[in-house]
């Protein structure tokens, strides 16, 4: 099962220090997701997310997290499985870009 972590606010730390913190947080979670990892940060809001991936169903790059909206305004990490994802995609009209 995947693992994720993050923080809100890094005070007086530099952005590089905050990135190091996220990388260290991800290293602690390596047992939760050996198939990949990625971090996302927003310097203005001082929010950081890290995700460790265990690829089970979607092995493509489309499953990488944190996922960021096309506008860059929203980012999310998710741990779980949506069992009716194919039906949901069909109803909403989502086409996968494999």
PDB file of N, CA and C in Angstrom:
ATOM      1  N   UNK A   1       0.839  -1.171   0.000  1.00  0.00           N
ATOM      2  CA  UNK A   1       0.000   0.000   0.000  1.00  0.00           C
ATOM      3  C   UNK A   1       0.889   1.240   0.000  1.00  0.00           C
ATOM      4  N   UNK A   2       0.519   2.224  -0.755  1.00  0.00           N
ATOM      5  CA  UNK A   2       1.279   3.469  -0.859  1.00  0.00           C
ATOM      6  C   UNK A   2       1.360   4.186   0.483  1.00  0.00           C
ATOM      7  N   UNK A   3       2.236   5.160   0.535  1.00  0.00           N
ATOM      8  CA  UNK A   3       2.334   5.993   1.712  1.00  0.00           C
ATOM      9  C   UNK A   3       2.552   7.435   1.302  1.00  0.00           C
ATOM     10  N   UNK A   4       2.044   8.351   2.099  1.00  0.00           N
ATOM     11  CA  UNK A   4       2.263   9.756   1.804  1.00  0.00           C
ATOM     12  C   UNK A   4       2.350  10.549   3.086  1.00  0.00           C
ATOM     13  N   UNK A   5       2.945  11.707   2.954  1.00  0.00           N
ATOM     14  CA  UNK A   5       3.096  12.603   4.088  1.00  0.00           C
ATOM     15  C   UNK A   5       3.201  14.014   3.556  1.00  0.00           C
ATOM     16  N   UNK A   6       3.279  14.964   4.459  1.00  0.00           N
ATOM     17  CA  UNK A   6       3.413  16.345   4.034  1.00  0.00           C
ATOM     18  C   UNK A   6       3.454  17.285   5.212  1.00  0.00           C
ATOM     19  N   UNK A   7       3.525  18.560   4.907  1.00  0.00           N
ATOM     20  CA  UNK A   7       3.526  19.568   5.958  1.00  0.00           C
ATOM     21  C   UNK A   7       2.906  20.853   5.449  1.00  0.00           C
ATOM     22  N   UNK A   8       2.548  21.671   6.392  1.00  0.00           N
ATOM     23  CA  UNK A   8       2.020  23.001   6.111  1.00  0.00           C
ATOM     24  C   UNK A   8       2.837  23.978   6.938  1.00  0.00           C
ATOM     25  N   UNK A   9       3.584  24.805   6.268  1.00  0.00           N
ATOM     26  CA  UNK A   9       4.412  25.808   6.946  1.00  0.00           C
ATOM     27  C   UNK A   9       5.766  25.267   7.327  1.00  0.00           C
ATOM     28  N   UNK A  10       6.812  25.906   6.837  1.00  0.00           N
ATOM     29  CA  UNK A  10       8.155  25.503   7.232  1.00  0.00           C
ATOM     30  C   UNK A  10       8.940  26.659   7.815  1.00  0.00           C
ATOM     31  N   UNK A  11       8.194  27.676   8.213  1.00  0.00           N
ATOM     32  CA  UNK A  11       8.776  28.771   8.991  1.00  0.00           C
ATOM     33  C   UNK A  11      10.002  29.395   8.372  1.00  0.00           C
ATOM     34  N   UNK A  12      11.069  29.443   9.141  1.00  0.00           N
ATOM     35  CA  UNK A  12      12.297  30.106   8.717  1.00  0.00           C
ATOM     36  C   UNK A  12      13.225  29.213   7.905  1.00  0.00           C
ATOM     37  N   UNK A  13      12.852  27.956   7.694  1.00  0.00           N
ATOM     38  CA  UNK A  13      13.686  27.058   6.891  1.00  0.00           C
ATOM     39  C   UNK A  13      13.712  27.532   5.447  1.00  0.00           C
ATOM     40  N   UNK A  14      14.799  27.239   4.790  1.00  0.00           N
ATOM     41  CA  UNK A  14      14.887  27.568   3.366  1.00  0.00           C
ATOM     42  C   UNK A  14      14.071  26.572   2.566  1.00  0.00           C
ATOM     43  N   UNK A  15      13.809  26.895   1.312  1.00  0.00           N
ATOM     44  CA  UNK A  15      13.069  25.970   0.459  1.00  0.00           C
ATOM     45  C   UNK A  15      13.873  24.690   0.250  1.00  0.00           C
ATOM     46  N   UNK A  16      15.196  24.810   0.185  1.00  0.00           N
ATOM     47  CA  UNK A  16      16.024  23.600   0.046  1.00  0.00           C
ATOM     48  C   UNK A  16      15.939  22.748   1.304  1.00  0.00           C
ATOM     49  N   UNK A  17      15.891  23.374   2.461  1.00  0.00           N
ATOM     50  CA  UNK A  17      15.721  22.635   3.706  1.00  0.00           C
ATOM     51  C   UNK A  17      14.379  21.931   3.751  1.00  0.00           C
ATOM     52  N   UNK A  18      13.354  22.596   3.245  1.00  0.00           N
ATOM     53  CA  UNK A  18      12.025  21.994   3.206  1.00  0.00           C
ATOM     54  C   UNK A  18      11.999  20.811   2.239  1.00  0.00           C
ATOM     55  N   UNK A  19      12.678  20.933   1.102  1.00  0.00           N
ATOM     56  CA  UNK A  19      12.767  19.812   0.160  1.00  0.00           C
ATOM     57  C   UNK A  19      13.484  18.633   0.801  1.00  0.00           C
ATOM     58  N   UNK A  20      14.564  18.901   1.508  1.00  0.00           N
ATOM     59  CA  UNK A  20      15.287  17.831   2.202  1.00  0.00           C
ATOM     60  C   UNK A  20      14.392  17.146   3.225  1.00  0.00           C
ATOM     61  N   UNK A  21      13.590  17.938   3.934  1.00  0.00           N
ATOM     62  CA  UNK A  21      12.664  17.365   4.910  1.00  0.00           C
ATOM     63  C   UNK A  21      11.679  16.430   4.229  1.00  0.00           C
ATOM     64  N   UNK A  22      11.118  16.857   3.082  1.00  0.00           N
ATOM     65  CA  UNK A  22      10.187  15.996   2.353  1.00  0.00           C
ATOM     66  C   UNK A  22      10.874  14.720   1.875  1.00  0.00           C
ATOM     67  N   UNK A  23      12.079  14.841   1.361  1.00  0.00           N
ATOM     68  CA  UNK A  23      12.801  13.655   0.906  1.00  0.00           C
ATOM     69  C   UNK A  23      13.059  12.696   2.062  1.00  0.00           C
ATOM     70  N   UNK A  24      13.416  13.232   3.217  1.00  0.00           N
ATOM     71  CA  UNK A  24      13.631  12.386   4.395  1.00  0.00           C
ATOM     72  C   UNK A  24      12.328  11.722   4.839  1.00  0.00           C
ATOM     73  N   UNK A  25      11.232  12.463   4.784  1.00  0.00           N
ATOM     74  CA  UNK A  25       9.929  11.889   5.130  1.00  0.00           C
ATOM     75  C   UNK A  25       9.596  10.741   4.179  1.00  0.00           C
ATOM     76  N   UNK A  26       9.891  10.926   2.909  1.00  0.00           N
ATOM     77  CA  UNK A  26       9.647   9.871   1.932  1.00  0.00           C
ATOM     78  C   UNK A  26      10.532   8.666   2.156  1.00  0.00           C
ATOM     79  N   UNK A  27      11.785   8.889   2.571  1.00  0.00           N
ATOM     80  CA  UNK A  27      12.686   7.778   2.844  1.00  0.00           C
ATOM     81  C   UNK A  27      12.169   6.898   3.979  1.00  0.00           C
ATOM     82  N   UNK A  28      11.536   7.510   4.962  1.00  0.00           N
ATOM     83  CA  UNK A  28      10.968   6.752   6.079  1.00  0.00           C
ATOM     84  C   UNK A  28       9.832   5.850   5.598  1.00  0.00           C
ATOM     85  N   UNK A  29       9.158   6.263   4.515  1.00  0.00           N
ATOM     86  CA  UNK A  29       8.016   5.518   3.989  1.00  0.00           C
ATOM     87  C   UNK A  29       8.377   4.556   2.861  1.00  0.00           C
ATOM     88  N   UNK A  30       9.650   4.341   2.603  1.00  0.00           N
ATOM     89  CA  UNK A  30      10.058   3.540   1.444  1.00  0.00           C
ATOM     90  C   UNK A  30       9.437   2.141   1.475  1.00  0.00           C
ATOM     91  N   UNK A  31       9.231   1.587   2.645  1.00  0.00           N
ATOM     92  CA  UNK A  31       8.623   0.258   2.744  1.00  0.00           C
ATOM     93  C   UNK A  31       7.162   0.252   2.291  1.00  0.00           C
ATOM     94  N   UNK A  32       6.535   1.425   2.228  1.00  0.00           N
ATOM     95  CA  UNK A  32       5.138   1.528   1.800  1.00  0.00           C
ATOM     96  C   UNK A  32       5.010   1.636   0.285  1.00  0.00           C
ATOM     97  N   UNK A  33       6.091   2.012  -0.391  1.00  0.00           N
ATOM     98  CA  UNK A  33       5.997   2.185  -1.831  1.00  0.00           C
ATOM     99  C   UNK A  33       7.348   2.207  -2.498  1.00  0.00           C
ATOM    100  N   UNK A  34       7.850   1.034  -2.863  1.00  0.00           N
ATOM    101  CA  UNK A  34       9.169   0.969  -3.485  1.00  0.00           C
ATOM    102  C   UNK A  34       9.187   1.274  -4.986  1.00  0.00           C
ATOM    103  N   UNK A  35       8.006   1.488  -5.590  1.00  0.00           N
ATOM    104  CA  UNK A  35       7.936   1.627  -7.046  1.00  0.00           C
ATOM    105  C   UNK A  35       8.081   3.050  -7.554  1.00  0.00           C
ATOM    106  N   UNK A  36       8.249   3.995  -6.683  1.00  0.00           N
ATOM    107  CA  UNK A  36       8.439   5.369  -7.122  1.00  0.00           C
ATOM    108  C   UNK A  36       8.144   6.346  -6.013  1.00  0.00           C
ATOM    109  N   UNK A  37       8.644   7.544  -6.198  1.00  0.00           N
ATOM    110  CA  UNK A  37       8.370   8.602  -5.229  1.00  0.00           C
ATOM    111  C   UNK A  37       8.463   9.944  -5.921  1.00  0.00           C
ATOM    112  N   UNK A  38       7.763  10.897  -5.351  1.00  0.00           N
ATOM    113  CA  UNK A  38       7.786  12.249  -5.895  1.00  0.00           C
ATOM    114  C   UNK A  38       7.373  13.214  -4.802  1.00  0.00           C
ATOM    115  N   UNK A  39       7.891  14.426  -4.893  1.00  0.00           N
ATOM    116  CA  UNK A  39       7.492  15.470  -3.956  1.00  0.00           C
ATOM    117  C   UNK A  39       6.876  16.621  -4.740  1.00  0.00           C
ATOM    118  N   UNK A  40       6.070  17.388  -4.046  1.00  0.00           N
ATOM    119  CA  UNK A  40       5.475  18.603  -4.597  1.00  0.00           C
ATOM    120  C   UNK A  40       5.526  19.657  -3.512  1.00  0.00           C
ATOM    121  N   UNK A  41       5.894  20.867  -3.893  1.00  0.00           N
ATOM    122  CA  UNK A  41       5.951  21.976  -2.944  1.00  0.00           C
ATOM    123  C   UNK A  41       5.379  23.230  -3.572  1.00  0.00           C
ATOM    124  N   UNK A  42       4.770  24.036  -2.732  1.00  0.00           N
ATOM    125  CA  UNK A  42       4.343  25.369  -3.131  1.00  0.00           C
ATOM    126  C   UNK A  42       4.984  26.346  -2.159  1.00  0.00           C
ATOM    127  N   UNK A  43       5.939  27.102  -2.636  1.00  0.00           N
ATOM    128  CA  UNK A  43       6.700  28.002  -1.769  1.00  0.00           C
ATOM    129  C   UNK A  43       5.843  29.121  -1.191  1.00  0.00           C
ATOM    130  N   UNK A  44       4.866  29.599  -1.958  1.00  0.00           N
ATOM    131  CA  UNK A  44       4.025  30.697  -1.465  1.00  0.00           C
ATOM    132  C   UNK A  44       3.184  30.288  -0.259  1.00  0.00           C
ATOM    133  N   UNK A  45       2.581  29.124  -0.322  1.00  0.00           N
ATOM    134  CA  UNK A  45       1.729  28.676   0.785  1.00  0.00           C
ATOM    135  C   UNK A  45       2.487  27.821   1.797  1.00  0.00           C
ATOM    136  N   UNK A  46       3.728  27.494   1.488  1.00  0.00           N
ATOM    137  CA  UNK A  46       4.574  26.651   2.336  1.00  0.00           C
ATOM    138  C   UNK A  46       3.918  25.297   2.621  1.00  0.00           C
ATOM    139  N   UNK A  47       3.409  24.688   1.560  1.00  0.00           N
ATOM    140  CA  UNK A  47       2.823  23.355   1.651  1.00  0.00           C
ATOM    141  C   UNK A  47       3.719  22.398   0.887  1.00  0.00           C
ATOM    142  N   UNK A  48       3.951  21.229   1.468  1.00  0.00           N
ATOM    143  CA  UNK A  48       4.755  20.211   0.809  1.00  0.00           C
ATOM    144  C   UNK A  48       4.104  18.850   0.939  1.00  0.00           C
ATOM    145  N   UNK A  49       4.154  18.060  -0.134  1.00  0.00           N
ATOM    146  CA  UNK A  49       3.607  16.710  -0.147  1.00  0.00           C
ATOM    147  C   UNK A  49       4.658  15.752  -0.684  1.00  0.00           C
ATOM    148  N   UNK A  50       4.696  14.567  -0.129  1.00  0.00           N
ATOM    149  CA  UNK A  50       5.572  13.513  -0.624  1.00  0.00           C
ATOM    150  C   UNK A  50       4.750  12.234  -0.734  1.00  0.00           C
ATOM    151  N   UNK A  51       5.016  11.449  -1.765  1.00  0.00           N
ATOM    152  CA  UNK A  51       4.271  10.210  -1.991  1.00  0.00           C
ATOM    153  C   UNK A  51       5.249   9.095  -2.343  1.00  0.00           C
ATOM    154  N   UNK A  52       5.043   7.936  -1.739  1.00  0.00           N
ATOM    155  CA  UNK A  52       5.777   6.722  -2.092  1.00  0.00           C
ATOM    156  C   UNK A  52       4.782   5.788  -2.757  1.00  0.00           C
ATOM    157  N   UNK A  53       5.137   5.278  -3.924  1.00  0.00           N
ATOM    158  CA  UNK A  53       4.176   4.537  -4.743  1.00  0.00           C
ATOM    159  C   UNK A  53       4.417   3.033  -4.716  1.00  0.00           C
ATOM    160  N   UNK A  54       3.335   2.312  -4.517  1.00  0.00           N
ATOM    161  CA  UNK A  54       3.303   0.881  -4.723  1.00  0.00           C
ATOM    162  C   UNK A  54       2.363   0.653  -5.896  1.00  0.00           C
ATOM    163  N   UNK A  55       2.935   0.401  -7.061  1.00  0.00           N
ATOM    164  CA  UNK A  55       2.141   0.277  -8.285  1.00  0.00           C
ATOM    165  C   UNK A  55       1.537  -1.123  -8.354  1.00  0.00           C
ATOM    166  N   UNK A  56       0.202  -1.186  -8.311  1.00  0.00           N
ATOM    167  CA  UNK A  56      -0.488  -2.468  -8.353  1.00  0.00           C
ATOM    168  C   UNK A  56      -1.399  -2.541  -9.569  1.00  0.00           C
ATOM    169  N   UNK A  57      -2.316  -1.594  -9.699  1.00  0.00           N
ATOM    170  CA  UNK A  57      -3.283  -1.622 -10.791  1.00  0.00           C
ATOM    171  C   UNK A  57      -2.788  -0.788 -11.964  1.00  0.00           C
ATOM    172  N   UNK A  58      -2.535   0.467 -11.756  1.00  0.00           N
ATOM    173  CA  UNK A  58      -2.093   1.370 -12.822  1.00  0.00           C
ATOM    174  C   UNK A  58      -0.573   1.476 -12.769  1.00  0.00           C
ATOM    175  N   UNK A  59       0.075   0.810 -13.683  1.00  0.00           N
ATOM    176  CA  UNK A  59       1.540   0.802 -13.702  1.00  0.00           C
ATOM    177  C   UNK A  59       2.110   1.935 -14.545  1.00  0.00           C
ATOM    178  N   UNK A  60       1.237   2.726 -15.160  1.00  0.00           N
ATOM    179  CA  UNK A  60       1.692   3.799 -16.040  1.00  0.00           C
ATOM    180  C   UNK A  60       2.121   5.028 -15.252  1.00  0.00           C
ATOM    181  N   UNK A  61       2.719   5.970 -15.950  1.00  0.00           N
ATOM    182  CA  UNK A  61       3.134   7.234 -15.342  1.00  0.00           C
ATOM    183  C   UNK A  61       1.930   8.069 -14.899  1.00  0.00           C
ATOM    184  N   UNK A  62       0.733   7.759 -15.405  1.00  0.00           N
ATOM    185  CA  UNK A  62      -0.469   8.505 -15.030  1.00  0.00           C
ATOM    186  C   UNK A  62      -0.822   8.311 -13.560  1.00  0.00           C
ATOM    187  N   UNK A  63      -0.280   7.281 -12.932  1.00  0.00           N
ATOM    188  CA  UNK A  63      -0.565   7.024 -11.527  1.00  0.00           C
ATOM    189  C   UNK A  63       0.399   7.687 -10.572  1.00  0.00           C
ATOM    190  N   UNK A  64       1.357   8.427 -11.100  1.00  0.00           N
ATOM    191  CA  UNK A  64       2.323   9.090 -10.222  1.00  0.00           C
ATOM    192  C   UNK A  64       1.647  10.176  -9.402  1.00  0.00           C
ATOM    193  N   UNK A  65       2.094  10.310  -8.170  1.00  0.00           N
ATOM    194  CA  UNK A  65       1.563  11.321  -7.266  1.00  0.00           C
ATOM    195  C   UNK A  65       2.719  12.062  -6.617  1.00  0.00           C
ATOM    196  N   UNK A  66       2.502  13.198  -6.055  1.00  0.00           N
ATOM    197  CA  UNK A  66       1.281  13.970  -6.009  1.00  0.00           C
ATOM    198  C   UNK A  66       0.783  14.333  -7.412  1.00  0.00           C
ATOM    199  N   UNK A  67      -0.526  14.306  -7.541  1.00  0.00           N
ATOM    200  CA  UNK A  67      -1.163  14.688  -8.799  1.00  0.00           C
ATOM    201  C   UNK A  67      -1.486  16.171  -8.726  1.00  0.00           C
ATOM    202  N   UNK A  68      -1.236  16.866  -9.830  1.00  0.00           N
ATOM    203  CA  UNK A  68      -1.438  18.312  -9.875  1.00  0.00           C
ATOM    204  C   UNK A  68      -2.405  18.619 -11.014  1.00  0.00           C
ATOM    205  N   UNK A  69      -3.349  19.504 -10.754  1.00  0.00           N
ATOM    206  CA  UNK A  69      -4.329  19.880 -11.770  1.00  0.00           C
ATOM    207  C   UNK A  69      -3.637  20.579 -12.934  1.00  0.00           C
ATOM    208  N   UNK A  70      -4.329  20.646 -14.053  1.00  0.00           N
ATOM    209  CA  UNK A  70      -3.773  21.275 -15.257  1.00  0.00           C
ATOM    210  C   UNK A  70      -3.389  22.729 -15.013  1.00  0.00           C
ATOM    211  N   UNK A  71      -4.114  23.404 -14.132  1.00  0.00           N
ATOM    212  CA  UNK A  71      -3.804  24.804 -13.848  1.00  0.00           C
ATOM    213  C   UNK A  71      -2.686  24.961 -12.811  1.00  0.00           C
ATOM    214  N   UNK A  72      -2.381  23.861 -12.111  1.00  0.00           N
ATOM    215  CA  UNK A  72      -1.373  23.922 -11.063  1.00  0.00           C
ATOM    216  C   UNK A  72      -1.918  24.413  -9.732  1.00  0.00           C
ATOM    217  N   UNK A  73      -3.206  24.718  -9.693  1.00  0.00           N
ATOM    218  CA  UNK A  73      -3.808  25.256  -8.475  1.00  0.00           C
ATOM    219  C   UNK A  73      -4.020  24.188  -7.400  1.00  0.00           C
ATOM    220  N   UNK A  74      -4.321  22.968  -7.820  1.00  0.00           N
ATOM    221  CA  UNK A  74      -4.644  21.909  -6.878  1.00  0.00           C
ATOM    222  C   UNK A  74      -3.635  20.775  -6.974  1.00  0.00           C
ATOM    223  N   UNK A  75      -3.301  20.216  -5.823  1.00  0.00           N
ATOM    224  CA  UNK A  75      -2.440  19.037  -5.762  1.00  0.00           C
ATOM    225  C   UNK A  75      -3.028  18.088  -4.738  1.00  0.00           C
ATOM    226  N   UNK A  76      -2.864  16.795  -4.981  1.00  0.00           N
ATOM    227  CA  UNK A  76      -3.375  15.827  -4.021  1.00  0.00           C
ATOM    228  C   UNK A  76      -2.524  14.583  -4.006  1.00  0.00           C
ATOM    229  N   UNK A  77      -2.590  13.894  -2.882  1.00  0.00           N
ATOM    230  CA  UNK A  77      -2.053  12.549  -2.746  1.00  0.00           C
ATOM    231  C   UNK A  77      -3.214  11.676  -2.296  1.00  0.00           C
ATOM    232  N   UNK A  78      -3.176  10.428  -2.681  1.00  0.00           N
ATOM    233  CA  UNK A  78      -4.300   9.542  -2.438  1.00  0.00           C
ATOM    234  C   UNK A  78      -3.769   8.156  -2.160  1.00  0.00           C
ATOM    235  N   UNK A  79      -4.353   7.480  -1.189  1.00  0.00           N
ATOM    236  CA  UNK A  79      -3.987   6.112  -0.888  1.00  0.00           C
ATOM    237  C   UNK A  79      -5.265   5.298  -0.829  1.00  0.00           C
ATOM    238  N   UNK A  80      -5.441   4.469  -1.798  1.00  0.00           N
ATOM    239  CA  UNK A  80      -6.634   3.639  -1.843  1.00  0.00           C
ATOM    240  C   UNK A  80      -6.891   3.207  -3.269  1.00  0.00           C
ATOM    241  N   UNK A  81      -8.008   2.572  -3.459  1.00  0.00           N
ATOM    242  CA  UNK A  81      -8.370   2.123  -4.791  1.00  0.00           C
ATOM    243  C   UNK A  81      -9.832   2.447  -5.039  1.00  0.00           C
ATOM    244  N   UNK A  82     -10.105   2.978  -6.194  1.00  0.00           N
ATOM    245  CA  UNK A  82     -11.478   3.237  -6.603  1.00  0.00           C
ATOM    246  C   UNK A  82     -11.882   2.049  -7.475  1.00  0.00           C
ATOM    247  N   UNK A  83     -12.692   1.178  -6.924  1.00  0.00           N
ATOM    248  CA  UNK A  83     -12.983  -0.094  -7.585  1.00  0.00           C
ATOM    249  C   UNK A  83     -13.786   0.067  -8.866  1.00  0.00           C
ATOM    250  N   UNK A  84     -14.596   1.091  -8.979  1.00  0.00           N
ATOM    251  CA  UNK A  84     -15.381   1.291 -10.200  1.00  0.00           C
ATOM    252  C   UNK A  84     -14.776   2.396 -11.070  1.00  0.00           C
ATOM    253  N   UNK A  85     -13.454   2.499 -11.068  1.00  0.00           N
ATOM    254  CA  UNK A  85     -12.797   3.587 -11.791  1.00  0.00           C
ATOM    255  C   UNK A  85     -13.081   3.570 -13.290  1.00  0.00           C
ATOM    256  N   UNK A  86     -13.200   2.388 -13.894  1.00  0.00           N
ATOM    257  CA  UNK A  86     -13.468   2.349 -15.341  1.00  0.00           C
ATOM    258  C   UNK A  86     -14.863   2.876 -15.652  1.00  0.00           C
ATOM    259  N   UNK A  87     -15.845   2.469 -14.853  1.00  0.00           N
ATOM    260  CA  UNK A  87     -17.202   2.957 -15.069  1.00  0.00           C
ATOM    261  C   UNK A  87     -17.289   4.459 -14.809  1.00  0.00           C
ATOM    262  N   UNK A  88     -16.612   4.928 -13.767  1.00  0.00           N
ATOM    263  CA  UNK A  88     -16.627   6.351 -13.437  1.00  0.00           C
ATOM    264  C   UNK A  88     -15.995   7.171 -14.551  1.00  0.00           C
ATOM    265  N   UNK A  89     -14.893   6.707 -15.087  1.00  0.00           N
ATOM    266  CA  UNK A  89     -14.239   7.417 -16.187  1.00  0.00           C
ATOM    267  C   UNK A  89     -15.153   7.489 -17.402  1.00  0.00           C
ATOM    268  N   UNK A  90     -15.887   6.417 -17.668  1.00  0.00           N
ATOM    269  CA  UNK A  90     -16.780   6.405 -18.820  1.00  0.00           C
ATOM    270  C   UNK A  90     -17.923   7.403 -18.632  1.00  0.00           C
ATOM    271  N   UNK A  91     -18.482   7.476 -17.432  1.00  0.00           N
ATOM    272  CA  UNK A  91     -19.600   8.385 -17.171  1.00  0.00           C
ATOM    273  C   UNK A  91     -19.143   9.839 -17.263  1.00  0.00           C
ATOM    274  N   UNK A  92     -17.969  10.131 -16.722  1.00  0.00           N
ATOM    275  CA  UNK A  92     -17.454  11.495 -16.716  1.00  0.00           C
ATOM    276  C   UNK A  92     -16.874  11.884 -18.062  1.00  0.00           C
ATOM    277  N   UNK A  93     -16.503  10.890 -18.859  1.00  0.00           N
ATOM    278  CA  UNK A  93     -15.929  11.159 -20.175  1.00  0.00           C
ATOM    279  C   UNK A  93     -14.421  11.349 -20.161  1.00  0.00           C
ATOM    280  N   UNK A  94     -13.763  10.738 -19.196  1.00  0.00           N
ATOM    281  CA  UNK A  94     -12.294  10.841 -19.105  1.00  0.00           C
ATOM    282  C   UNK A  94     -11.683   9.816 -20.053  1.00  0.00           C
ATOM    283  N   UNK A  95     -10.725  10.284 -20.835  1.00  0.00           N
ATOM    284  CA  UNK A  95      -9.975   9.390 -21.708  1.00  0.00           C
ATOM    285  C   UNK A  95      -8.547   9.332 -21.205  1.00  0.00           C
ATOM    286  N   UNK A  96      -8.050   8.143 -20.988  1.00  0.00           N
ATOM    287  CA  UNK A  96      -6.692   7.985 -20.482  1.00  0.00           C
ATOM    288  C   UNK A  96      -5.669   8.323 -21.542  1.00  0.00           C
ATOM    289  N   UNK A  97      -4.592   8.928 -21.096  1.00  0.00           N
ATOM    290  CA  UNK A  97      -3.478   9.244 -21.989  1.00  0.00           C
ATOM    291  C   UNK A  97      -2.317   8.340 -21.608  1.00  0.00           C
ATOM    292  N   UNK A  98      -2.352   7.101 -22.085  1.00  0.00           N
ATOM    293  CA  UNK A  98      -1.298   6.137 -21.713  1.00  0.00           C
ATOM    294  C   UNK A  98      -0.003   6.425 -22.412  1.00  0.00           C
TER     295      UNK A  98
END
